[in-house]
Protein backbone atom coordinates (compact mmCIF):
# COMPACT_ATOMS: atom_id res chain seq x y z
CA MET A 1 5.03 -15.39 -0.85
CA LYS A 2 5.88 -15.78 2.82
CA ARG A 3 8.93 -17.45 4.07
CA SER A 4 7.05 -20.09 5.75
CA GLU A 5 5.03 -20.96 2.28
CA VAL A 6 8.18 -21.55 0.53
CA ARG A 7 9.18 -25.22 0.57
CA PHE A 8 10.79 -26.02 -2.62
CA CYS A 9 13.77 -24.62 -4.46
CA ILE A 10 12.39 -22.67 -7.82
CA ARG A 11 15.72 -23.62 -9.64
CA CYS A 12 16.07 -27.48 -9.14
CA GLY A 13 13.01 -28.43 -7.12
CA SER A 14 14.85 -29.91 -3.91
CA GLN A 15 13.02 -29.28 -0.54
CA LEU A 16 14.53 -26.57 0.96
CA GLU A 17 16.21 -26.30 4.68
CA GLN A 18 16.30 -23.39 7.18
CA ARG A 19 19.64 -22.08 7.53
CA LYS A 20 21.46 -18.84 9.11
CA VAL A 21 22.73 -16.76 6.05
CA PHE A 22 23.19 -13.17 5.93
CA GLY A 23 22.35 -12.70 9.46
CA SER A 24 18.78 -14.43 9.56
CA ARG A 25 17.13 -17.92 9.17
CA ARG A 26 15.98 -18.30 5.69
CA PRO A 27 14.84 -21.17 3.13
CA ILE A 28 17.97 -22.51 1.34
CA CYS A 29 18.38 -25.30 -1.18
CA PRO A 30 20.82 -27.86 0.06
CA SER A 31 21.52 -28.98 -3.85
CA CYS A 32 22.16 -25.76 -5.72
CA GLY A 33 22.38 -23.02 -2.92
CA TRP A 34 19.61 -20.91 -4.13
CA ILE A 35 18.31 -18.75 -1.14
CA PHE A 36 14.81 -17.41 -0.57
CA PHE A 37 14.62 -13.83 0.26
CA GLU A 38 11.25 -12.26 0.99
CA ASP A 39 10.82 -9.16 -0.74
CA PRO A 40 8.77 -6.30 0.99
CA LYS A 41 4.97 -5.31 0.06
CA VAL A 42 4.86 -1.77 -1.15
CA ALA A 43 1.69 0.28 -1.26
CA VAL A 44 1.32 3.46 -2.95
CA GLY A 45 -1.16 6.20 -2.17
CA VAL A 46 -2.17 9.80 -2.93
CA LEU A 47 -3.21 12.60 -0.55
CA VAL A 48 -5.75 14.89 -2.68
CA GLU A 49 -6.87 17.93 -0.91
CA GLN A 50 -9.51 20.52 -2.23
CA ASP A 51 -11.21 23.27 -0.45
CA GLU A 52 -9.29 22.35 2.73
CA LYS A 53 -10.89 18.71 2.67
CA VAL A 54 -9.13 15.39 1.88
CA LEU A 55 -10.18 12.84 -0.58
CA LEU A 56 -11.15 9.48 1.02
CA VAL A 57 -12.40 6.34 -0.15
CA ARG A 58 -14.80 3.96 1.53
CA ARG A 59 -13.18 0.23 1.67
CA LEU A 60 -15.41 -2.22 0.01
CA ASN A 61 -13.06 -5.60 1.07
CA GLU A 62 -11.14 -6.87 3.77
CA PRO A 63 -9.40 -5.63 5.86
CA LYS A 64 -11.76 -3.20 7.38
CA PRO A 65 -14.43 -2.95 5.02
CA GLY A 66 -16.78 0.12 5.41
CA SER A 67 -13.97 2.01 7.05
CA TRP A 68 -12.04 4.87 5.09
CA SER A 69 -8.61 5.46 3.76
CA ILE A 70 -6.75 7.72 1.36
CA PRO A 71 -6.76 6.16 -2.41
CA ALA A 72 -4.15 3.62 -2.17
CA GLY A 73 -3.05 0.08 -3.22
CA PHE A 74 -0.17 -2.19 -4.03
CA MET A 75 2.42 -1.33 -6.63
CA ASP A 76 3.21 -4.00 -9.17
CA ALA A 77 6.70 -5.11 -9.89
CA HIS A 78 8.75 -2.93 -12.44
CA GLU A 79 6.04 -0.15 -11.95
CA ASP A 80 7.10 3.53 -11.13
CA PRO A 81 5.65 4.44 -7.56
CA CYS A 82 4.63 7.76 -8.61
CA HIS A 83 2.61 6.43 -11.64
CA ALA A 84 1.24 3.41 -9.34
CA ALA A 85 0.04 6.09 -6.95
CA GLU A 86 -2.10 7.98 -9.81
CA ARG A 87 -3.30 4.66 -11.35
CA GLU A 88 -4.59 3.68 -7.77
CA CYS A 89 -6.45 6.94 -7.50
CA LEU A 90 -8.19 6.71 -10.90
CA GLU A 91 -9.32 3.08 -10.23
CA GLU A 92 -10.78 3.78 -6.83
CA THR A 93 -12.01 7.46 -7.43
CA GLY A 94 -12.43 8.03 -11.08
CA LEU A 95 -10.24 11.02 -10.71
CA ILE A 96 -7.04 11.69 -12.91
CA VAL A 97 -4.46 13.17 -10.76
CA ARG A 98 -0.67 14.18 -11.18
CA ALA A 99 1.19 13.24 -8.27
CA GLY A 100 4.13 15.49 -6.75
CA LYS A 101 5.92 15.80 -3.71
CA ILE A 102 6.07 12.81 -1.14
CA ALA A 103 3.50 13.37 1.58
CA ALA A 104 4.75 10.39 3.70
CA VAL A 105 6.73 7.25 3.92
CA ILE A 106 5.42 4.85 6.51
CA GLY A 107 7.27 1.44 7.51
CA GLY A 108 5.61 -1.22 9.41
CA ARG A 109 2.75 -3.94 8.46
CA GLU A 110 -0.36 -3.02 9.89
CA HIS A 111 -2.08 -6.49 9.11
CA SER A 112 -1.39 -9.72 7.57
CA LYS A 113 -2.28 -8.87 4.07
CA GLY A 114 -0.78 -5.16 4.32
CA ALA A 115 2.18 -3.48 2.92
CA ASP A 116 5.81 -3.26 4.55
CA ILE A 117 6.19 0.20 3.07
CA VAL A 118 3.51 2.72 2.22
CA ILE A 119 4.51 5.71 -0.02
CA ALA A 120 2.10 8.53 -0.22
CA TYR A 121 2.22 11.64 -2.53
CA HIS A 122 0.59 15.02 -2.56
CA ALA A 123 -1.21 15.14 -5.80
CA ASP A 124 -3.55 17.45 -7.67
CA ILE A 125 -6.80 16.75 -9.79
CA ILE A 126 -6.18 17.26 -13.33
CA GLY A 127 -9.35 15.45 -14.90
CA GLY A 128 -11.94 12.51 -14.36
CA GLU A 129 -15.22 12.60 -12.53
CA LEU A 130 -15.54 11.72 -8.87
CA LYS A 131 -17.04 7.98 -8.73
CA ALA A 132 -16.45 5.15 -6.50
CA GLY A 133 -14.69 2.16 -8.39
CA ASP A 134 -12.39 -0.85 -7.96
CA ASP A 135 -12.50 -1.93 -4.28
CA ALA A 136 -14.12 1.42 -3.21
CA SER A 137 -17.99 1.39 -2.20
CA GLU A 138 -17.92 5.35 -1.76
CA VAL A 139 -15.48 8.42 -2.18
CA GLY A 140 -15.78 11.84 -0.92
CA PHE A 141 -13.96 14.88 0.25
CA PHE A 142 -13.94 15.15 4.28
CA SER A 143 -12.88 18.13 6.62
CA ARG A 144 -10.12 17.19 9.02
CA ASN A 145 -12.43 18.14 11.79
CA ALA A 146 -15.19 15.71 10.41
CA LEU A 147 -13.74 12.58 9.28
CA PRO A 148 -15.43 9.18 8.96
CA PRO A 149 -13.81 6.15 10.72
CA LEU A 150 -10.44 5.48 9.12
CA ALA A 151 -8.97 2.02 8.40
CA PHE A 152 -5.32 2.43 8.85
CA ARG A 153 -2.74 4.19 10.78
CA ALA A 154 -0.81 5.03 7.50
CA THR A 155 -4.03 6.94 6.40
CA ARG A 156 -3.88 9.04 9.77
CA VAL A 157 -0.27 9.63 9.13
CA VAL A 158 -0.68 10.81 5.84
CA ILE A 159 -3.31 13.45 6.65
CA GLY A 160 -1.33 14.45 9.56
CA LEU A 161 -3.21 13.18 12.64
CA GLU A 162 -0.33 10.92 13.86
CA TRP A 163 3.49 11.19 13.81
CA PRO A 164 4.97 9.02 11.29
CA PHE A 165 7.55 7.05 13.57
CA TYR A 166 6.63 4.04 15.84
């Protein structure tokens, strides 16, 4: 929930006020003192390479339907990021992977519904069958020299086409 969407205290129901606390203007309850802190959204993904090609999924939904990205998605609260990345890959590609070393950590929200932090892992295929699923319309392996249109800067960073810092 965005700061602008929070209008009432979740503890006592009072209408919130904007006040400067902890160095920023934040919604705060004038009755009980509860302060709303907006948590960052975290996405996780995997970089799967096979025969010098990278695994990509074609996006089915907004934003940027029809363009391609690494298998990725949002991490649930209390979920291990490594396991979340493996789960997202299975849901989108049908492949069971084992995530290993971190490939990249990217900060900065690319669009209004995007993540503030993207954590991508190198991953190896350990099972499954390649097939599009969840919010992917197609899946495939692509040479870095013949990539389809990529959806996000984070994908370009993870596969080594851009520098990770702004």
